[in-house]
Amino acid sequence: MERQITLIALFAALIAVLGLVPQFTLASGVPITAQGMGIMLCGTVLGARRGALAVLLFLALVALGLPLLAGGRGGLGVFVGPTVGFLVGFPIAAFVAGWIVERMRSTPILTAAFIGAVIGGIPVMYVFGIIGMSVTLDKTIAESALLVTPFIPGDLIKAGLAAALTASLLKARPASVLSRG
């Protein structure tokens, strides 16, 4: 139990650290950051439930005002801006990614983690992000969807990196990949 709590806290910290990687903001106001890969890793490494808990812990710290989001953003204000949908989708994306990896036990971890990271980290997260952008930017769903299309290639790269890191961690420290435990 203590080990699982420690890993949840560690992965919440990992998401925060990935926010330190310099961001690039598109015209839509949504930044391209490495934090999406942290969300994917929460699911692929920790599994569905623990991955979602790590992300919820991270979001709770952001809501308390800690500047943990990319660009040093934090506080309740981020939950009413253009990125609100993505923030809401973060724990669901981690859950879905972890759920897929847990269900694909007979599939090699690299493949399972890539599929989980892609499905959780792109369509699942984007559904929430597009809806949030549509509401906050007063755009149609189609217009908001067009705003996020430039992110897809980068998110596919992040999913590949998350899968490779998950596979490497399983090889080096099998007990640390709880999605396969």
N, C-alpha and C. Protein backbone atom coordinates (compact mmCIF):
# COMPACT_ATOMS: atom_id res chain seq x y z
N MET A 1 0.82 -1.19 0.00
CA MET A 1 0.00 0.00 0.00
C MET A 1 0.87 1.26 0.00
N GLU A 2 1.86 1.30 0.90
CA GLU A 2 2.76 2.47 0.95
C GLU A 2 3.48 2.67 -0.37
N ARG A 3 3.89 1.55 -0.98
CA ARG A 3 4.61 1.62 -2.24
C ARG A 3 3.72 2.21 -3.33
N GLN A 4 2.46 1.83 -3.35
CA GLN A 4 1.54 2.34 -4.36
C GLN A 4 1.29 3.83 -4.16
N ILE A 5 1.14 4.26 -2.92
CA ILE A 5 0.95 5.69 -2.63
C ILE A 5 2.18 6.47 -3.06
N THR A 6 3.34 5.91 -2.79
CA THR A 6 4.59 6.56 -3.19
C THR A 6 4.67 6.71 -4.71
N LEU A 7 4.30 5.65 -5.43
CA LEU A 7 4.34 5.72 -6.89
C LEU A 7 3.32 6.72 -7.44
N ILE A 8 2.15 6.79 -6.82
CA ILE A 8 1.15 7.77 -7.24
C ILE A 8 1.70 9.18 -7.07
N ALA A 9 2.30 9.45 -5.92
CA ALA A 9 2.88 10.78 -5.67
C ALA A 9 4.05 11.04 -6.62
N LEU A 10 4.86 10.03 -6.88
CA LEU A 10 6.00 10.17 -7.78
C LEU A 10 5.54 10.52 -9.20
N PHE A 11 4.49 9.88 -9.65
CA PHE A 11 4.01 10.17 -11.00
C PHE A 11 3.31 11.51 -11.09
N ALA A 12 2.67 11.95 -10.00
CA ALA A 12 2.12 13.31 -9.99
C ALA A 12 3.27 14.31 -10.12
N ALA A 13 4.38 14.03 -9.44
CA ALA A 13 5.57 14.89 -9.54
C ALA A 13 6.16 14.84 -10.95
N LEU A 14 6.14 13.66 -11.57
CA LEU A 14 6.66 13.52 -12.93
C LEU A 14 5.88 14.41 -13.91
N ILE A 15 4.56 14.44 -13.76
CA ILE A 15 3.75 15.32 -14.62
C ILE A 15 4.19 16.78 -14.43
N ALA A 16 4.40 17.16 -13.17
CA ALA A 16 4.82 18.54 -12.88
C ALA A 16 6.19 18.83 -13.50
N VAL A 17 7.13 17.91 -13.38
CA VAL A 17 8.47 18.10 -13.92
C VAL A 17 8.42 18.22 -15.45
N LEU A 18 7.57 17.43 -16.08
CA LEU A 18 7.44 17.51 -17.53
C LEU A 18 6.87 18.85 -17.98
N GLY A 19 6.23 19.56 -17.07
CA GLY A 19 5.76 20.91 -17.37
C GLY A 19 6.88 21.93 -17.44
N LEU A 20 8.06 21.56 -16.93
CA LEU A 20 9.21 22.46 -16.98
C LEU A 20 9.87 22.49 -18.35
N VAL A 21 9.58 21.46 -19.15
CA VAL A 21 10.10 21.45 -20.52
C VAL A 21 9.47 22.64 -21.22
N PRO A 22 10.27 23.47 -21.88
CA PRO A 22 9.71 24.68 -22.50
C PRO A 22 8.50 24.37 -23.38
N GLN A 23 7.48 25.20 -23.24
CA GLN A 23 6.25 25.01 -24.00
C GLN A 23 6.27 25.86 -25.26
N PHE A 24 5.40 25.46 -26.16
CA PHE A 24 5.19 26.22 -27.39
C PHE A 24 3.69 26.40 -27.50
N THR A 25 3.21 27.64 -27.51
CA THR A 25 1.78 27.90 -27.54
C THR A 25 1.32 28.25 -28.94
N LEU A 26 0.27 27.55 -29.37
CA LEU A 26 -0.32 27.81 -30.68
C LEU A 26 -1.32 28.96 -30.57
N ALA A 27 -1.83 29.41 -31.68
CA ALA A 27 -2.77 30.53 -31.72
C ALA A 27 -4.04 30.26 -30.92
N SER A 28 -4.38 28.99 -30.73
CA SER A 28 -5.60 28.64 -30.00
C SER A 28 -5.48 28.91 -28.51
N GLY A 29 -4.26 29.13 -28.03
CA GLY A 29 -4.04 29.37 -26.61
C GLY A 29 -3.69 28.11 -25.84
N VAL A 30 -3.69 26.96 -26.50
CA VAL A 30 -3.35 25.70 -25.85
C VAL A 30 -1.88 25.41 -26.11
N PRO A 31 -1.09 25.23 -25.05
CA PRO A 31 0.34 25.01 -25.23
C PRO A 31 0.67 23.56 -25.58
N ILE A 32 1.70 23.37 -26.39
CA ILE A 32 2.26 22.04 -26.63
C ILE A 32 3.27 21.82 -25.52
N THR A 33 3.05 20.80 -24.73
CA THR A 33 3.94 20.52 -23.60
C THR A 33 4.26 19.04 -23.54
N ALA A 34 5.18 18.69 -22.66
CA ALA A 34 5.52 17.28 -22.44
C ALA A 34 4.61 16.65 -21.39
N GLN A 35 3.74 17.44 -20.77
CA GLN A 35 2.90 16.91 -19.71
C GLN A 35 1.93 15.84 -20.21
N GLY A 36 1.52 15.91 -21.47
CA GLY A 36 0.66 14.87 -22.02
C GLY A 36 1.30 13.50 -21.95
N MET A 37 2.63 13.47 -22.15
CA MET A 37 3.34 12.20 -22.04
C MET A 37 3.31 11.69 -20.61
N GLY A 38 3.35 12.59 -19.64
CA GLY A 38 3.25 12.19 -18.24
C GLY A 38 1.91 11.55 -17.94
N ILE A 39 0.86 12.09 -18.53
CA ILE A 39 -0.48 11.53 -18.36
C ILE A 39 -0.51 10.11 -18.93
N MET A 40 0.05 9.96 -20.12
CA MET A 40 0.11 8.64 -20.75
C MET A 40 0.89 7.65 -19.88
N LEU A 41 2.03 8.11 -19.35
CA LEU A 41 2.86 7.23 -18.52
C LEU A 41 2.15 6.82 -17.23
N CYS A 42 1.38 7.73 -16.67
CA CYS A 42 0.62 7.37 -15.46
C CYS A 42 -0.23 6.14 -15.73
N GLY A 43 -0.92 6.13 -16.85
CA GLY A 43 -1.77 5.00 -17.18
C GLY A 43 -0.99 3.76 -17.56
N THR A 44 0.00 3.90 -18.44
CA THR A 44 0.70 2.72 -18.94
C THR A 44 1.56 2.05 -17.88
N VAL A 45 2.06 2.83 -16.93
CA VAL A 45 2.92 2.27 -15.88
C VAL A 45 2.12 1.89 -14.63
N LEU A 46 1.29 2.80 -14.16
CA LEU A 46 0.59 2.57 -12.89
C LEU A 46 -0.70 1.78 -13.06
N GLY A 47 -1.25 1.76 -14.24
CA GLY A 47 -2.53 1.10 -14.45
C GLY A 47 -3.66 2.12 -14.35
N ALA A 48 -4.87 1.65 -14.59
CA ALA A 48 -6.03 2.54 -14.71
C ALA A 48 -6.30 3.33 -13.43
N ARG A 49 -6.56 2.63 -12.35
CA ARG A 49 -6.98 3.32 -11.12
C ARG A 49 -5.87 4.19 -10.52
N ARG A 50 -4.70 3.62 -10.37
CA ARG A 50 -3.59 4.37 -9.76
C ARG A 50 -3.11 5.50 -10.69
N GLY A 51 -3.15 5.27 -12.00
CA GLY A 51 -2.78 6.33 -12.94
C GLY A 51 -3.71 7.52 -12.85
N ALA A 52 -5.01 7.23 -12.77
CA ALA A 52 -5.99 8.32 -12.63
C ALA A 52 -5.81 9.04 -11.30
N LEU A 53 -5.50 8.29 -10.23
CA LEU A 53 -5.28 8.92 -8.92
C LEU A 53 -4.07 9.85 -8.95
N ALA A 54 -3.00 9.44 -9.64
CA ALA A 54 -1.81 10.30 -9.74
C ALA A 54 -2.16 11.60 -10.45
N VAL A 55 -2.96 11.52 -11.49
CA VAL A 55 -3.34 12.72 -12.23
C VAL A 55 -4.27 13.58 -11.37
N LEU A 56 -5.19 12.97 -10.65
CA LEU A 56 -6.07 13.74 -9.77
C LEU A 56 -5.29 14.45 -8.67
N LEU A 57 -4.25 13.80 -8.14
CA LEU A 57 -3.39 14.45 -7.15
C LEU A 57 -2.70 15.66 -7.77
N PHE A 58 -2.18 15.49 -8.97
CA PHE A 58 -1.54 16.60 -9.68
C PHE A 58 -2.53 17.76 -9.87
N LEU A 59 -3.74 17.45 -10.32
CA LEU A 59 -4.75 18.50 -10.55
C LEU A 59 -5.17 19.17 -9.25
N ALA A 60 -5.20 18.42 -8.16
CA ALA A 60 -5.53 19.02 -6.86
C ALA A 60 -4.47 20.04 -6.46
N LEU A 61 -3.21 19.70 -6.71
CA LEU A 61 -2.12 20.63 -6.39
C LEU A 61 -2.19 21.88 -7.28
N VAL A 62 -2.56 21.68 -8.54
CA VAL A 62 -2.74 22.83 -9.44
C VAL A 62 -3.88 23.70 -8.93
N ALA A 63 -4.99 23.09 -8.54
CA ALA A 63 -6.15 23.85 -8.04
C ALA A 63 -5.81 24.62 -6.77
N LEU A 64 -4.89 24.09 -5.97
CA LEU A 64 -4.46 24.79 -4.76
C LEU A 64 -3.60 26.00 -5.06
N GLY A 65 -3.21 26.14 -6.31
CA GLY A 65 -2.44 27.32 -6.71
C GLY A 65 -0.99 27.06 -7.03
N LEU A 66 -0.53 25.83 -6.91
CA LEU A 66 0.86 25.55 -7.25
C LEU A 66 1.05 25.70 -8.76
N PRO A 67 2.10 26.37 -9.18
CA PRO A 67 2.31 26.63 -10.62
C PRO A 67 2.93 25.43 -11.33
N LEU A 68 2.19 24.35 -11.41
CA LEU A 68 2.73 23.09 -11.93
C LEU A 68 2.42 22.83 -13.40
N LEU A 69 1.49 23.57 -13.96
CA LEU A 69 1.21 23.39 -15.38
C LEU A 69 2.30 24.06 -16.21
N ALA A 70 2.42 23.63 -17.44
CA ALA A 70 3.42 24.20 -18.33
C ALA A 70 3.29 25.72 -18.33
N GLY A 71 4.42 26.38 -18.31
CA GLY A 71 4.43 27.84 -18.29
C GLY A 71 4.24 28.41 -16.90
N GLY A 72 4.27 27.56 -15.87
CA GLY A 72 4.13 28.03 -14.50
C GLY A 72 2.72 28.44 -14.13
N ARG A 73 1.73 27.83 -14.77
CA ARG A 73 0.35 28.18 -14.48
C ARG A 73 -0.20 27.30 -13.36
N GLY A 74 -1.10 27.84 -12.59
CA GLY A 74 -1.76 27.10 -11.53
C GLY A 74 -2.90 27.93 -10.96
N GLY A 75 -3.63 27.35 -10.05
CA GLY A 75 -4.75 28.06 -9.44
C GLY A 75 -6.06 27.71 -10.12
N LEU A 76 -7.14 28.15 -9.52
CA LEU A 76 -8.46 27.81 -10.04
C LEU A 76 -8.75 28.44 -11.40
N GLY A 77 -8.06 29.51 -11.74
CA GLY A 77 -8.28 30.18 -13.02
C GLY A 77 -8.03 29.30 -14.23
N VAL A 78 -7.11 28.34 -14.11
CA VAL A 78 -6.83 27.47 -15.26
C VAL A 78 -8.01 26.56 -15.58
N PHE A 79 -8.92 26.41 -14.61
CA PHE A 79 -10.07 25.54 -14.81
C PHE A 79 -11.24 26.26 -15.50
N VAL A 80 -11.00 27.49 -15.93
CA VAL A 80 -12.01 28.22 -16.71
C VAL A 80 -11.42 28.74 -18.02
N GLY A 81 -10.19 28.39 -18.33
CA GLY A 81 -9.54 28.84 -19.56
C GLY A 81 -9.69 27.83 -20.68
N PRO A 82 -9.05 28.08 -21.81
CA PRO A 82 -9.17 27.20 -22.97
C PRO A 82 -8.70 25.77 -22.74
N THR A 83 -7.85 25.56 -21.74
CA THR A 83 -7.32 24.21 -21.50
C THR A 83 -8.17 23.39 -20.53
N VAL A 84 -9.28 23.94 -20.04
CA VAL A 84 -10.08 23.25 -19.02
C VAL A 84 -10.50 21.86 -19.47
N GLY A 85 -10.90 21.72 -20.71
CA GLY A 85 -11.32 20.40 -21.19
C GLY A 85 -10.21 19.38 -21.13
N PHE A 86 -9.01 19.82 -21.47
CA PHE A 86 -7.88 18.90 -21.39
C PHE A 86 -7.60 18.50 -19.94
N LEU A 87 -7.70 19.48 -19.04
CA LEU A 87 -7.47 19.19 -17.62
C LEU A 87 -8.50 18.19 -17.10
N VAL A 88 -9.75 18.35 -17.48
CA VAL A 88 -10.80 17.41 -17.09
C VAL A 88 -10.51 16.04 -17.69
N GLY A 89 -10.02 16.03 -18.92
CA GLY A 89 -9.73 14.77 -19.60
C GLY A 89 -8.48 14.05 -19.13
N PHE A 90 -7.57 14.76 -18.46
CA PHE A 90 -6.32 14.13 -18.00
C PHE A 90 -6.54 12.83 -17.22
N PRO A 91 -7.31 12.84 -16.13
CA PRO A 91 -7.44 11.59 -15.37
C PRO A 91 -8.18 10.50 -16.14
N ILE A 92 -9.10 10.89 -16.98
CA ILE A 92 -9.83 9.90 -17.78
C ILE A 92 -8.90 9.29 -18.82
N ALA A 93 -8.05 10.11 -19.41
CA ALA A 93 -7.08 9.61 -20.38
C ALA A 93 -6.11 8.63 -19.73
N ALA A 94 -5.62 8.96 -18.53
CA ALA A 94 -4.72 8.05 -17.82
C ALA A 94 -5.44 6.75 -17.49
N PHE A 95 -6.69 6.86 -17.05
CA PHE A 95 -7.47 5.66 -16.72
C PHE A 95 -7.63 4.77 -17.94
N VAL A 96 -8.01 5.35 -19.07
CA VAL A 96 -8.22 4.56 -20.30
C VAL A 96 -6.92 3.92 -20.76
N ALA A 97 -5.84 4.68 -20.74
CA ALA A 97 -4.54 4.12 -21.15
C ALA A 97 -4.17 2.93 -20.27
N GLY A 98 -4.33 3.09 -18.97
CA GLY A 98 -4.02 2.00 -18.05
C GLY A 98 -4.95 0.82 -18.21
N TRP A 99 -6.22 1.09 -18.41
CA TRP A 99 -7.20 0.02 -18.58
C TRP A 99 -6.86 -0.83 -19.80
N ILE A 100 -6.46 -0.18 -20.87
CA ILE A 100 -6.10 -0.91 -22.10
C ILE A 100 -4.87 -1.78 -21.85
N VAL A 101 -3.84 -1.24 -21.22
CA VAL A 101 -2.62 -2.02 -20.95
C VAL A 101 -2.94 -3.20 -20.04
N GLU A 102 -3.77 -2.97 -19.04
CA GLU A 102 -4.15 -4.06 -18.12
C GLU A 102 -4.89 -5.16 -18.86
N ARG A 103 -5.71 -4.81 -19.82
CA ARG A 103 -6.51 -5.81 -20.55
C ARG A 103 -5.71 -6.53 -21.62
N MET A 104 -4.60 -5.96 -22.04
CA MET A 104 -3.80 -6.55 -23.12
C MET A 104 -2.58 -7.29 -22.56
N ARG A 105 -2.77 -8.06 -21.53
CA ARG A 105 -1.65 -8.76 -20.87
C ARG A 105 -0.90 -9.72 -21.79
N SER A 106 -1.60 -10.32 -22.74
CA SER A 106 -0.93 -11.28 -23.62
C SER A 106 -0.21 -10.60 -24.79
N THR A 107 -0.41 -9.30 -24.92
CA THR A 107 0.25 -8.52 -25.98
C THR A 107 1.57 -7.99 -25.44
N PRO A 108 2.62 -7.95 -26.25
CA PRO A 108 3.88 -7.38 -25.78
C PRO A 108 3.67 -5.97 -25.23
N ILE A 109 4.38 -5.65 -24.16
CA ILE A 109 4.16 -4.39 -23.45
C ILE A 109 4.35 -3.18 -24.35
N LEU A 110 5.31 -3.20 -25.23
CA LEU A 110 5.54 -2.05 -26.11
C LEU A 110 4.30 -1.76 -26.95
N THR A 111 3.71 -2.80 -27.51
CA THR A 111 2.51 -2.65 -28.33
C THR A 111 1.32 -2.21 -27.48
N ALA A 112 1.12 -2.89 -26.36
CA ALA A 112 -0.02 -2.57 -25.48
C ALA A 112 0.09 -1.13 -24.96
N ALA A 113 1.29 -0.73 -24.54
CA ALA A 113 1.47 0.61 -24.00
C ALA A 113 1.27 1.66 -25.09
N PHE A 114 1.72 1.38 -26.32
CA PHE A 114 1.52 2.33 -27.40
C PHE A 114 0.03 2.49 -27.72
N ILE A 115 -0.68 1.37 -27.81
CA ILE A 115 -2.11 1.43 -28.09
C ILE A 115 -2.84 2.17 -26.96
N GLY A 116 -2.51 1.84 -25.72
CA GLY A 116 -3.13 2.51 -24.59
C GLY A 116 -2.84 4.00 -24.57
N ALA A 117 -1.58 4.37 -24.81
CA ALA A 117 -1.19 5.78 -24.80
C ALA A 117 -1.85 6.54 -25.94
N VAL A 118 -1.95 5.92 -27.11
CA VAL A 118 -2.58 6.59 -28.24
C VAL A 118 -4.08 6.80 -27.98
N ILE A 119 -4.76 5.74 -27.57
CA ILE A 119 -6.22 5.86 -27.38
C ILE A 119 -6.54 6.77 -26.20
N GLY A 120 -5.86 6.58 -25.09
CA GLY A 120 -6.12 7.44 -23.93
C GLY A 120 -5.64 8.86 -24.15
N GLY A 121 -4.47 9.00 -24.76
CA GLY A 121 -3.84 10.30 -24.87
C GLY A 121 -4.26 11.15 -26.05
N ILE A 122 -4.95 10.56 -27.01
CA ILE A 122 -5.36 11.39 -28.15
C ILE A 122 -6.90 11.46 -28.23
N PRO A 123 -7.61 10.45 -28.71
CA PRO A 123 -9.06 10.66 -28.85
C PRO A 123 -9.78 10.92 -27.53
N VAL A 124 -9.42 10.20 -26.48
CA VAL A 124 -10.11 10.42 -25.19
C VAL A 124 -9.84 11.83 -24.67
N MET A 125 -8.58 12.21 -24.63
CA MET A 125 -8.24 13.53 -24.11
C MET A 125 -8.77 14.64 -25.03
N TYR A 126 -8.72 14.41 -26.33
CA TYR A 126 -9.15 15.44 -27.27
C TYR A 126 -10.65 15.69 -27.22
N VAL A 127 -11.45 14.66 -26.94
CA VAL A 127 -12.90 14.87 -26.83
C VAL A 127 -13.18 15.92 -25.76
N PHE A 128 -12.55 15.76 -24.60
CA PHE A 128 -12.75 16.72 -23.52
C PHE A 128 -12.14 18.08 -23.87
N GLY A 129 -10.95 18.05 -24.47
CA GLY A 129 -10.29 19.30 -24.84
C GLY A 129 -11.08 20.10 -25.86
N ILE A 130 -11.62 19.41 -26.85
CA ILE A 130 -12.40 20.09 -27.90
C ILE A 130 -13.66 20.69 -27.31
N ILE A 131 -14.33 19.95 -26.46
CA ILE A 131 -15.55 20.48 -25.83
C ILE A 131 -15.20 21.70 -24.97
N GLY A 132 -14.13 21.60 -24.19
CA GLY A 132 -13.71 22.73 -23.35
C GLY A 132 -13.35 23.96 -24.16
N MET A 133 -12.64 23.75 -25.26
CA MET A 133 -12.28 24.87 -26.12
C MET A 133 -13.51 25.48 -26.78
N SER A 134 -14.43 24.63 -27.18
CA SER A 134 -15.65 25.11 -27.81
C SER A 134 -16.42 26.03 -26.87
N VAL A 135 -16.51 25.62 -25.62
CA VAL A 135 -17.25 26.42 -24.64
C VAL A 135 -16.50 27.71 -24.29
N THR A 136 -15.21 27.60 -23.96
CA THR A 136 -14.48 28.78 -23.49
C THR A 136 -14.12 29.76 -24.60
N LEU A 137 -13.93 29.26 -25.81
CA LEU A 137 -13.56 30.14 -26.92
C LEU A 137 -14.77 30.52 -27.78
N ASP A 138 -15.94 30.04 -27.41
CA ASP A 138 -17.18 30.32 -28.14
C ASP A 138 -17.04 29.94 -29.62
N LYS A 139 -16.58 28.72 -29.84
CA LYS A 139 -16.42 28.19 -31.20
C LYS A 139 -17.27 26.93 -31.33
N THR A 140 -17.52 26.54 -32.56
CA THR A 140 -18.24 25.29 -32.79
C THR A 140 -17.30 24.12 -32.48
N ILE A 141 -17.89 22.95 -32.34
CA ILE A 141 -17.08 21.74 -32.11
C ILE A 141 -16.12 21.54 -33.29
N ALA A 142 -16.60 21.75 -34.50
CA ALA A 142 -15.75 21.57 -35.68
C ALA A 142 -14.59 22.56 -35.68
N GLU A 143 -14.87 23.81 -35.35
CA GLU A 143 -13.80 24.82 -35.30
C GLU A 143 -12.78 24.46 -34.22
N SER A 144 -13.26 24.01 -33.08
CA SER A 144 -12.35 23.62 -32.00
C SER A 144 -11.54 22.39 -32.38
N ALA A 145 -12.16 21.45 -33.08
CA ALA A 145 -11.44 20.26 -33.53
C ALA A 145 -10.31 20.64 -34.48
N LEU A 146 -10.57 21.61 -35.35
CA LEU A 146 -9.52 22.07 -36.27
C LEU A 146 -8.36 22.71 -35.52
N LEU A 147 -8.66 23.34 -34.40
CA LEU A 147 -7.59 23.99 -33.62
C LEU A 147 -6.63 22.98 -32.99
N VAL A 148 -7.11 21.77 -32.72
CA VAL A 148 -6.23 20.79 -32.05
C VAL A 148 -5.54 19.84 -33.02
N THR A 149 -5.91 19.85 -34.29
CA THR A 149 -5.28 18.93 -35.24
C THR A 149 -3.76 19.08 -35.33
N PRO A 150 -3.18 20.27 -35.18
CA PRO A 150 -1.71 20.35 -35.22
C PRO A 150 -1.02 19.59 -34.09
N PHE A 151 -1.75 19.24 -33.03
CA PHE A 151 -1.16 18.55 -31.89
C PHE A 151 -1.00 17.05 -32.12
N ILE A 152 -1.73 16.49 -33.07
CA ILE A 152 -1.76 15.04 -33.22
C ILE A 152 -0.39 14.43 -33.52
N PRO A 153 0.40 14.94 -34.45
CA PRO A 153 1.72 14.32 -34.68
C PRO A 153 2.59 14.32 -33.42
N GLY A 154 2.61 15.41 -32.70
CA GLY A 154 3.40 15.47 -31.46
C GLY A 154 2.89 14.50 -30.42
N ASP A 155 1.58 14.35 -30.34
CA ASP A 155 1.03 13.41 -29.37
C ASP A 155 1.32 11.95 -29.76
N LEU A 156 1.39 11.67 -31.04
CA LEU A 156 1.79 10.33 -31.47
C LEU A 156 3.24 10.04 -31.07
N ILE A 157 4.10 11.05 -31.18
CA ILE A 157 5.49 10.89 -30.75
C ILE A 157 5.54 10.67 -29.24
N LYS A 158 4.76 11.44 -28.48
CA LYS A 158 4.70 11.27 -27.02
C LYS A 158 4.22 9.87 -26.66
N ALA A 159 3.24 9.35 -27.40
CA ALA A 159 2.73 8.00 -27.13
C ALA A 159 3.82 6.96 -27.39
N GLY A 160 4.59 7.16 -28.45
CA GLY A 160 5.70 6.25 -28.73
C GLY A 160 6.75 6.28 -27.65
N LEU A 161 7.07 7.48 -27.18
CA LEU A 161 8.05 7.61 -26.09
C LEU A 161 7.52 7.00 -24.80
N ALA A 162 6.24 7.21 -24.50
CA ALA A 162 5.63 6.63 -23.30
C ALA A 162 5.67 5.11 -23.38
N ALA A 163 5.38 4.56 -24.54
CA ALA A 163 5.42 3.10 -24.71
C ALA A 163 6.84 2.57 -24.54
N ALA A 164 7.81 3.25 -25.14
CA ALA A 164 9.20 2.81 -25.02
C ALA A 164 9.69 2.89 -23.57
N LEU A 165 9.32 3.97 -22.88
CA LEU A 165 9.71 4.09 -21.47
C LEU A 165 9.05 3.03 -20.60
N THR A 166 7.79 2.74 -20.88
CA THR A 166 7.08 1.71 -20.12
C THR A 166 7.73 0.35 -20.34
N ALA A 167 8.05 0.03 -21.60
CA ALA A 167 8.70 -1.25 -21.91
C ALA A 167 10.09 -1.34 -21.26
N SER A 168 10.83 -0.24 -21.29
CA SER A 168 12.16 -0.23 -20.66
C SER A 168 12.06 -0.41 -19.16
N LEU A 169 11.10 0.25 -18.54
CA LEU A 169 10.91 0.12 -17.10
C LEU A 169 10.50 -1.30 -16.74
N LEU A 170 9.66 -1.93 -17.55
CA LEU A 170 9.25 -3.31 -17.28
C LEU A 170 10.45 -4.25 -17.35
N LYS A 171 11.33 -3.99 -18.29
CA LYS A 171 12.52 -4.83 -18.43
C LYS A 171 13.48 -4.61 -17.26
N ALA A 172 13.69 -3.36 -16.86
CA ALA A 172 14.65 -3.04 -15.81
C ALA A 172 14.10 -3.31 -14.41
N ARG A 173 12.84 -2.97 -14.17
CA ARG A 173 12.22 -3.11 -12.84
C ARG A 173 10.79 -3.59 -13.00
N PRO A 174 10.61 -4.87 -13.27
CA PRO A 174 9.27 -5.40 -13.56
C PRO A 174 8.22 -5.08 -12.49
N ALA A 175 8.60 -5.06 -11.24
CA ALA A 175 7.62 -4.80 -10.16
C ALA A 175 7.12 -3.36 -10.16
N SER A 176 7.81 -2.48 -10.87
CA SER A 176 7.39 -1.08 -10.89
C SER A 176 6.30 -0.79 -11.91
N VAL A 177 6.08 -1.70 -12.83
CA VAL A 177 5.03 -1.50 -13.83
C VAL A 177 3.78 -2.19 -13.31
N LEU A 178 3.00 -1.42 -12.57
CA LEU A 178 1.82 -1.96 -11.90
C LEU A 178 0.72 -2.35 -12.87
N SER A 179 0.73 -1.79 -14.07
CA SER A 179 -0.29 -2.13 -15.06
C SER A 179 -0.12 -3.58 -15.52
N ARG A 180 1.01 -4.16 -15.28
CA ARG A 180 1.27 -5.55 -15.65
C ARG A 180 1.42 -6.45 -14.43
N GLY A 181 1.19 -5.88 -13.24
CA GLY A 181 1.38 -6.63 -12.00
C GLY A 181 0.23 -7.52 -11.62
